[in-house]
Amino acid sequence: MALTACPDCNGKVSDKAFACPSCGHPMNSGKGRSQWPAIIGGVAGTYISANAVVTVVLGSVMMIAFAAIMIAAVMSS
């Protein structure tokens, strides 16, 4: 496993990775690899990095928790 530089953000990326873990830039797939992630990314029109997924999930949980606290505060007064 060798590390290469991402052409978009210059981050270190494994040569076996389908996309850069920092920015989500798609990496060239080599021979013998499945084209499944490239096809899904092409259909969706975007590549989502792990950081983006964590941010969306954490933001949703925090918003729901804040709404629950506000509802409880209004109901108790």
PDB file of N, CA and C in Angstrom:
ATOM      1  N   MET A   1       0.844  -1.171   0.000  1.00  0.00           N
ATOM      2  CA  MET A   1       0.000   0.000   0.000  1.00  0.00           C
ATOM      3  C   MET A   1       0.893   1.238   0.000  1.00  0.00           C
ATOM      4  N   ALA A   2       0.745   2.063  -0.989  1.00  0.00           N
ATOM      5  CA  ALA A   2       1.533   3.289  -1.094  1.00  0.00           C
ATOM      6  C   ALA A   2       0.611   4.499  -0.922  1.00  0.00           C
ATOM      7  N   LEU A   3       1.172   5.562  -0.406  1.00  0.00           N
ATOM      8  CA  LEU A   3       0.413   6.798  -0.263  1.00  0.00           C
ATOM      9  C   LEU A   3       0.757   7.731  -1.417  1.00  0.00           C
ATOM     10  N   THR A   4      -0.273   8.324  -1.977  1.00  0.00           N
ATOM     11  CA  THR A   4      -0.092   9.291  -3.046  1.00  0.00           C
ATOM     12  C   THR A   4      -0.725  10.610  -2.622  1.00  0.00           C
ATOM     13  N   ALA A   5      -0.413  11.665  -3.343  1.00  0.00           N
ATOM     14  CA  ALA A   5      -0.981  12.984  -3.036  1.00  0.00           C
ATOM     15  C   ALA A   5      -2.292  13.156  -3.794  1.00  0.00           C
ATOM     16  N   CYS A   6      -3.283  13.696  -3.107  1.00  0.00           N
ATOM     17  CA  CYS A   6      -4.568  14.000  -3.737  1.00  0.00           C
ATOM     18  C   CYS A   6      -4.365  15.186  -4.691  1.00  0.00           C
ATOM     19  N   PRO A   7      -4.860  15.099  -5.912  1.00  0.00           N
ATOM     20  CA  PRO A   7      -4.678  16.210  -6.845  1.00  0.00           C
ATOM     21  C   PRO A   7      -5.485  17.445  -6.479  1.00  0.00           C
ATOM     22  N   ASP A   8      -6.480  17.271  -5.616  1.00  0.00           N
ATOM     23  CA  ASP A   8      -7.340  18.399  -5.259  1.00  0.00           C
ATOM     24  C   ASP A   8      -6.853  19.127  -4.002  1.00  0.00           C
ATOM     25  N   CYS A   9      -6.562  18.372  -2.921  1.00  0.00           N
ATOM     26  CA  CYS A   9      -6.204  19.010  -1.645  1.00  0.00           C
ATOM     27  C   CYS A   9      -4.777  18.710  -1.194  1.00  0.00           C
ATOM     28  N   ASN A  10      -4.034  17.909  -1.951  1.00  0.00           N
ATOM     29  CA  ASN A  10      -2.661  17.499  -1.626  1.00  0.00           C
ATOM     30  C   ASN A  10      -2.567  16.660  -0.350  1.00  0.00           C
ATOM     31  N   GLY A  11      -3.685  16.081   0.085  1.00  0.00           N
ATOM     32  CA  GLY A  11      -3.681  15.191   1.244  1.00  0.00           C
ATOM     33  C   GLY A  11      -3.124  13.834   0.855  1.00  0.00           C
ATOM     34  N   LYS A  12      -2.740  13.039   1.855  1.00  0.00           N
ATOM     35  CA  LYS A  12      -2.190  11.712   1.594  1.00  0.00           C
ATOM     36  C   LYS A  12      -3.330  10.718   1.448  1.00  0.00           C
ATOM     37  N   VAL A  13      -3.277   9.950   0.333  1.00  0.00           N
ATOM     38  CA  VAL A  13      -4.338   9.010   0.007  1.00  0.00           C
ATOM     39  C   VAL A  13      -3.710   7.673  -0.343  1.00  0.00           C
ATOM     40  N   SER A  14      -4.302   6.602   0.141  1.00  0.00           N
ATOM     41  CA  SER A  14      -3.837   5.260  -0.208  1.00  0.00           C
ATOM     42  C   SER A  14      -4.064   5.012  -1.690  1.00  0.00           C
ATOM     43  N   ASP A  15      -3.195   4.225  -2.284  1.00  0.00           N
ATOM     44  CA  ASP A  15      -3.375   3.904  -3.701  1.00  0.00           C
ATOM     45  C   ASP A  15      -4.558   2.952  -3.920  1.00  0.00           C
ATOM     46  N   LYS A  16      -5.109   2.397  -2.831  1.00  0.00           N
ATOM     47  CA  LYS A  16      -6.258   1.511  -2.931  1.00  0.00           C
ATOM     48  C   LYS A  16      -7.577   2.235  -2.658  1.00  0.00           C
ATOM     49  N   ALA A  17      -7.517   3.515  -2.304  1.00  0.00           N
ATOM     50  CA  ALA A  17      -8.724   4.276  -1.966  1.00  0.00           C
ATOM     51  C   ALA A  17      -9.488   4.657  -3.231  1.00  0.00           C
ATOM     52  N   PHE A  18     -10.809   4.674  -3.122  1.00  0.00           N
ATOM     53  CA  PHE A  18     -11.653   5.110  -4.222  1.00  0.00           C
ATOM     54  C   PHE A  18     -11.759   6.630  -4.268  1.00  0.00           C
ATOM     55  N   ALA A  19     -11.622   7.279  -3.091  1.00  0.00           N
ATOM     56  CA  ALA A  19     -11.735   8.731  -3.018  1.00  0.00           C
ATOM     57  C   ALA A  19     -10.846   9.234  -1.885  1.00  0.00           C
ATOM     58  N   CYS A  20     -10.486  10.503  -1.944  1.00  0.00           N
ATOM     59  CA  CYS A  20      -9.672  11.124  -0.894  1.00  0.00           C
ATOM     60  C   CYS A  20     -10.489  11.215   0.393  1.00  0.00           C
ATOM     61  N   PRO A  21      -9.969  10.767   1.541  1.00  0.00           N
ATOM     62  CA  PRO A  21     -10.734  10.843   2.781  1.00  0.00           C
ATOM     63  C   PRO A  21     -10.903  12.272   3.294  1.00  0.00           C
ATOM     64  N   SER A  22     -10.076  13.199   2.860  1.00  0.00           N
ATOM     65  CA  SER A  22     -10.175  14.579   3.327  1.00  0.00           C
ATOM     66  C   SER A  22     -11.206  15.391   2.558  1.00  0.00           C
ATOM     67  N   CYS A  23     -11.124  15.319   1.212  1.00  0.00           N
ATOM     68  CA  CYS A  23     -11.995  16.184   0.405  1.00  0.00           C
ATOM     69  C   CYS A  23     -13.001  15.404  -0.439  1.00  0.00           C
ATOM     70  N   GLY A  24     -12.839  14.082  -0.539  1.00  0.00           N
ATOM     71  CA  GLY A  24     -13.778  13.273  -1.308  1.00  0.00           C
ATOM     72  C   GLY A  24     -13.500  13.226  -2.796  1.00  0.00           C
ATOM     73  N   HIS A  25     -12.373  13.787  -3.229  1.00  0.00           N
ATOM     74  CA  HIS A  25     -12.028  13.775  -4.653  1.00  0.00           C
ATOM     75  C   HIS A  25     -11.846  12.336  -5.111  1.00  0.00           C
ATOM     76  N   PRO A  26     -12.511  11.941  -6.216  1.00  0.00           N
ATOM     77  CA  PRO A  26     -12.376  10.553  -6.679  1.00  0.00           C
ATOM     78  C   PRO A  26     -10.974  10.282  -7.186  1.00  0.00           C
ATOM     79  N   MET A  27     -10.451   9.128  -6.810  1.00  0.00           N
ATOM     80  CA  MET A  27      -9.129   8.723  -7.257  1.00  0.00           C
ATOM     81  C   MET A  27      -9.290   7.766  -8.430  1.00  0.00           C
ATOM     82  N   ASN A  28      -8.276   7.648  -9.255  1.00  0.00           N
ATOM     83  CA  ASN A  28      -8.318   6.739 -10.393  1.00  0.00           C
ATOM     84  C   ASN A  28      -8.357   5.311  -9.888  1.00  0.00           C
ATOM     85  N   SER A  29      -9.286   4.536 -10.415  1.00  0.00           N
ATOM     86  CA  SER A  29      -9.347   3.137 -10.009  1.00  0.00           C
ATOM     87  C   SER A  29      -8.429   2.325 -10.898  1.00  0.00           C
ATOM     88  N   GLY A  30      -7.717   1.404 -10.281  1.00  0.00           N
ATOM     89  CA  GLY A  30      -6.768   0.580 -11.022  1.00  0.00           C
ATOM     90  C   GLY A  30      -7.432  -0.649 -11.598  1.00  0.00           C
ATOM     91  N   LYS A  31      -6.634  -1.496 -12.235  1.00  0.00           N
ATOM     92  CA  LYS A  31      -7.151  -2.716 -12.836  1.00  0.00           C
ATOM     93  C   LYS A  31      -7.596  -3.686 -11.750  1.00  0.00           C
ATOM     94  N   GLY A  32      -8.677  -4.383 -12.023  1.00  0.00           N
ATOM     95  CA  GLY A  32      -9.158  -5.403 -11.111  1.00  0.00           C
ATOM     96  C   GLY A  32     -10.019  -4.859  -9.979  1.00  0.00           C
ATOM     97  N   ARG A  33     -10.210  -3.584  -9.935  1.00  0.00           N
ATOM     98  CA  ARG A  33     -11.058  -3.021  -8.881  1.00  0.00           C
ATOM     99  C   ARG A  33     -12.499  -2.918  -9.360  1.00  0.00           C
ATOM    100  N   SER A  34     -13.398  -2.939  -8.430  1.00  0.00           N
ATOM    101  CA  SER A  34     -14.802  -2.762  -8.746  1.00  0.00           C
ATOM    102  C   SER A  34     -15.063  -1.316  -9.139  1.00  0.00           C
ATOM    103  N   GLN A  35     -15.892  -1.119 -10.119  1.00  0.00           N
ATOM    104  CA  GLN A  35     -16.243   0.233 -10.550  1.00  0.00           C
ATOM    105  C   GLN A  35     -17.479   0.751  -9.816  1.00  0.00           C
ATOM    106  N   TRP A  36     -18.001  -0.013  -8.871  1.00  0.00           N
ATOM    107  CA  TRP A  36     -19.232   0.360  -8.187  1.00  0.00           C
ATOM    108  C   TRP A  36     -19.206   1.750  -7.569  1.00  0.00           C
ATOM    109  N   PRO A  37     -18.197   2.148  -6.751  1.00  0.00           N
ATOM    110  CA  PRO A  37     -18.228   3.503  -6.184  1.00  0.00           C
ATOM    111  C   PRO A  37     -18.171   4.595  -7.241  1.00  0.00           C
ATOM    112  N   ALA A  38     -17.422   4.391  -8.312  1.00  0.00           N
ATOM    113  CA  ALA A  38     -17.341   5.395  -9.361  1.00  0.00           C
ATOM    114  C   ALA A  38     -18.682   5.559 -10.057  1.00  0.00           C
ATOM    115  N   ILE A  39     -19.394   4.460 -10.256  1.00  0.00           N
ATOM    116  CA  ILE A  39     -20.699   4.534 -10.913  1.00  0.00           C
ATOM    117  C   ILE A  39     -21.697   5.242 -10.018  1.00  0.00           C
ATOM    118  N   ILE A  40     -21.730   4.891  -8.749  1.00  0.00           N
ATOM    119  CA  ILE A  40     -22.659   5.531  -7.829  1.00  0.00           C
ATOM    120  C   ILE A  40     -22.349   7.025  -7.713  1.00  0.00           C
ATOM    121  N   GLY A  41     -21.066   7.367  -7.599  1.00  0.00           N
ATOM    122  CA  GLY A  41     -20.697   8.782  -7.510  1.00  0.00           C
ATOM    123  C   GLY A  41     -21.051   9.538  -8.772  1.00  0.00           C
ATOM    124  N   GLY A  42     -20.895   8.895  -9.925  1.00  0.00           N
ATOM    125  CA  GLY A  42     -21.236   9.544 -11.177  1.00  0.00           C
ATOM    126  C   GLY A  42     -22.733   9.773 -11.311  1.00  0.00           C
ATOM    127  N   VAL A  43     -23.522   8.820 -10.822  1.00  0.00           N
ATOM    128  CA  VAL A  43     -24.974   8.954 -10.891  1.00  0.00           C
ATOM    129  C   VAL A  43     -25.441  10.039  -9.941  1.00  0.00           C
ATOM    130  N   ALA A  44     -24.892  10.057  -8.739  1.00  0.00           N
ATOM    131  CA  ALA A  44     -25.308  11.045  -7.755  1.00  0.00           C
ATOM    132  C   ALA A  44     -24.785  12.430  -8.091  1.00  0.00           C
ATOM    133  N   GLY A  45     -23.680  12.505  -8.820  1.00  0.00           N
ATOM    134  CA  GLY A  45     -23.126  13.792  -9.193  1.00  0.00           C
ATOM    135  C   GLY A  45     -22.201  14.376  -8.151  1.00  0.00           C
ATOM    136  N   THR A  46     -21.956  13.649  -7.082  1.00  0.00           N
ATOM    137  CA  THR A  46     -21.092  14.167  -6.028  1.00  0.00           C
ATOM    138  C   THR A  46     -20.419  13.014  -5.303  1.00  0.00           C
ATOM    139  N   TYR A  47     -19.363  13.301  -4.619  1.00  0.00           N
ATOM    140  CA  TYR A  47     -18.685  12.321  -3.786  1.00  0.00           C
ATOM    141  C   TYR A  47     -18.714  12.859  -2.365  1.00  0.00           C
ATOM    142  N   ILE A  48     -19.219  12.085  -1.446  1.00  0.00           N
ATOM    143  CA  ILE A  48     -19.376  12.530  -0.073  1.00  0.00           C
ATOM    144  C   ILE A  48     -18.242  11.959   0.761  1.00  0.00           C
ATOM    145  N   SER A  49     -17.519  12.829   1.450  1.00  0.00           N
ATOM    146  CA  SER A  49     -16.431  12.362   2.297  1.00  0.00           C
ATOM    147  C   SER A  49     -16.985  11.915   3.646  1.00  0.00           C
ATOM    148  N   ALA A  50     -16.184  11.197   4.391  1.00  0.00           N
ATOM    149  CA  ALA A  50     -16.592  10.730   5.714  1.00  0.00           C
ATOM    150  C   ALA A  50     -16.848  11.911   6.636  1.00  0.00           C
ATOM    151  N   ASN A  51     -16.057  12.969   6.511  1.00  0.00           N
ATOM    152  CA  ASN A  51     -16.262  14.153   7.355  1.00  0.00           C
ATOM    153  C   ASN A  51     -17.618  14.788   7.093  1.00  0.00           C
ATOM    154  N   ALA A  52     -18.053  14.834   5.848  1.00  0.00           N
ATOM    155  CA  ALA A  52     -19.354  15.411   5.523  1.00  0.00           C
ATOM    156  C   ALA A  52     -20.485  14.578   6.114  1.00  0.00           C
ATOM    157  N   VAL A  53     -20.365  13.262   6.046  1.00  0.00           N
ATOM    158  CA  VAL A  53     -21.403  12.386   6.592  1.00  0.00           C
ATOM    159  C   VAL A  53     -21.494  12.568   8.108  1.00  0.00           C
ATOM    160  N   VAL A  54     -20.352  12.600   8.787  1.00  0.00           N
ATOM    161  CA  VAL A  54     -20.344  12.782  10.240  1.00  0.00           C
ATOM    162  C   VAL A  54     -20.951  14.132  10.608  1.00  0.00           C
ATOM    163  N   THR A  55     -20.630  15.172   9.865  1.00  0.00           N
ATOM    164  CA  THR A  55     -21.168  16.502  10.145  1.00  0.00           C
ATOM    165  C   THR A  55     -22.684  16.531   9.994  1.00  0.00           C
ATOM    166  N   VAL A  56     -23.201  15.919   8.946  1.00  0.00           N
ATOM    167  CA  VAL A  56     -24.647  15.905   8.728  1.00  0.00           C
ATOM    168  C   VAL A  56     -25.351  15.125   9.835  1.00  0.00           C
ATOM    169  N   VAL A  57     -24.831  13.958  10.182  1.00  0.00           N
ATOM    170  CA  VAL A  57     -25.465  13.139  11.223  1.00  0.00           C
ATOM    171  C   VAL A  57     -25.410  13.842  12.573  1.00  0.00           C
ATOM    172  N   LEU A  58     -24.250  14.369  12.941  1.00  0.00           N
ATOM    173  CA  LEU A  58     -24.118  15.049  14.223  1.00  0.00           C
ATOM    174  C   LEU A  58     -24.999  16.301  14.281  1.00  0.00           C
ATOM    175  N   GLY A  59     -25.057  17.051  13.200  1.00  0.00           N
ATOM    176  CA  GLY A  59     -25.913  18.237  13.156  1.00  0.00           C
ATOM    177  C   GLY A  59     -27.378  17.880  13.308  1.00  0.00           C
ATOM    178  N   SER A  60     -27.808  16.798  12.675  1.00  0.00           N
ATOM    179  CA  SER A  60     -29.205  16.361  12.791  1.00  0.00           C
ATOM    180  C   SER A  60     -29.541  15.952  14.216  1.00  0.00           C
ATOM    181  N   VAL A  61     -28.643  15.205  14.850  1.00  0.00           N
ATOM    182  CA  VAL A  61     -28.874  14.773  16.232  1.00  0.00           C
ATOM    183  C   VAL A  61     -28.935  15.981  17.163  1.00  0.00           C
ATOM    184  N   MET A  62     -28.043  16.932  16.968  1.00  0.00           N
ATOM    185  CA  MET A  62     -28.045  18.124  17.824  1.00  0.00           C
ATOM    186  C   MET A  62     -29.317  18.953  17.618  1.00  0.00           C
ATOM    187  N   MET A  63     -29.784  19.060  16.378  1.00  0.00           N
ATOM    188  CA  MET A  63     -31.007  19.811  16.112  1.00  0.00           C
ATOM    189  C   MET A  63     -32.217  19.148  16.774  1.00  0.00           C
ATOM    190  N   ILE A  64     -32.301  17.831  16.688  1.00  0.00           N
ATOM    191  CA  ILE A  64     -33.410  17.112  17.322  1.00  0.00           C
ATOM    192  C   ILE A  64     -33.344  17.255  18.839  1.00  0.00           C
ATOM    193  N   ALA A  65     -32.143  17.168  19.413  1.00  0.00           N
ATOM    194  CA  ALA A  65     -31.997  17.328  20.861  1.00  0.00           C
ATOM    195  C   ALA A  65     -32.393  18.734  21.291  1.00  0.00           C
ATOM    196  N   PHE A  66     -31.989  19.748  20.543  1.00  0.00           N
ATOM    197  CA  PHE A  66     -32.359  21.127  20.867  1.00  0.00           C
ATOM    198  C   PHE A  66     -33.870  21.320  20.781  1.00  0.00           C
ATOM    199  N   ALA A  67     -34.497  20.754  19.748  1.00  0.00           N
ATOM    200  CA  ALA A  67     -35.949  20.869  19.610  1.00  0.00           C
ATOM    201  C   ALA A  67     -36.658  20.184  20.774  1.00  0.00           C
ATOM    202  N   ALA A  68     -36.151  19.026  21.205  1.00  0.00           N
ATOM    203  CA  ALA A  68     -36.765  18.318  22.332  1.00  0.00           C
ATOM    204  C   ALA A  68     -36.650  19.131  23.614  1.00  0.00           C
ATOM    205  N   ILE A  69     -35.521  19.768  23.838  1.00  0.00           N
ATOM    206  CA  ILE A  69     -35.339  20.603  25.030  1.00  0.00           C
ATOM    207  C   ILE A  69     -36.279  21.800  24.987  1.00  0.00           C
ATOM    208  N   MET A  70     -36.401  22.426  23.828  1.00  0.00           N
ATOM    209  CA  MET A  70     -37.285  23.589  23.711  1.00  0.00           C
ATOM    210  C   MET A  70     -38.751  23.182  23.901  1.00  0.00           C
ATOM    211  N   ILE A  71     -39.163  22.049  23.372  1.00  0.00           N
ATOM    212  CA  ILE A  71     -40.532  21.580  23.558  1.00  0.00           C
ATOM    213  C   ILE A  71     -40.790  21.280  25.025  1.00  0.00           C
ATOM    214  N   ALA A  72     -39.835  20.645  25.704  1.00  0.00           N
ATOM    215  CA  ALA A  72     -40.003  20.345  27.127  1.00  0.00           C
ATOM    216  C   ALA A  72     -40.083  21.619  27.949  1.00  0.00           C
ATOM    217  N   ALA A  73     -39.295  22.633  27.576  1.00  0.00           N
ATOM    218  CA  ALA A  73     -39.327  23.909  28.307  1.00  0.00           C
ATOM    219  C   ALA A  73     -40.675  24.602  28.124  1.00  0.00           C
ATOM    220  N   VAL A  74     -41.237  24.563  26.920  1.00  0.00           N
ATOM    221  CA  VAL A  74     -42.518  25.210  26.669  1.00  0.00           C
ATOM    222  C   VAL A  74     -43.639  24.449  27.369  1.00  0.00           C
ATOM    223  N   MET A  75     -43.578  23.136  27.364  1.00  0.00           N
ATOM    224  CA  MET A  75     -44.628  22.331  27.985  1.00  0.00           C
ATOM    225  C   MET A  75     -44.635  22.467  29.511  1.00  0.00           C
ATOM    226  N   SER A  76     -43.453  22.692  30.100  1.00  0.00           N
ATOM    227  CA  SER A  76     -43.390  22.772  31.565  1.00  0.00           C
ATOM    228  C   SER A  76     -43.782  24.156  32.091  1.00  0.00           C
ATOM    229  N   SER A  77     -43.830  25.153  31.248  1.00  0.00           N
ATOM    230  CA  SER A  77     -44.194  26.495  31.755  1.00  0.00           C
ATOM    231  C   SER A  77     -45.643  26.814  31.581  1.00  0.00           C
TER     232      SER A  77
END
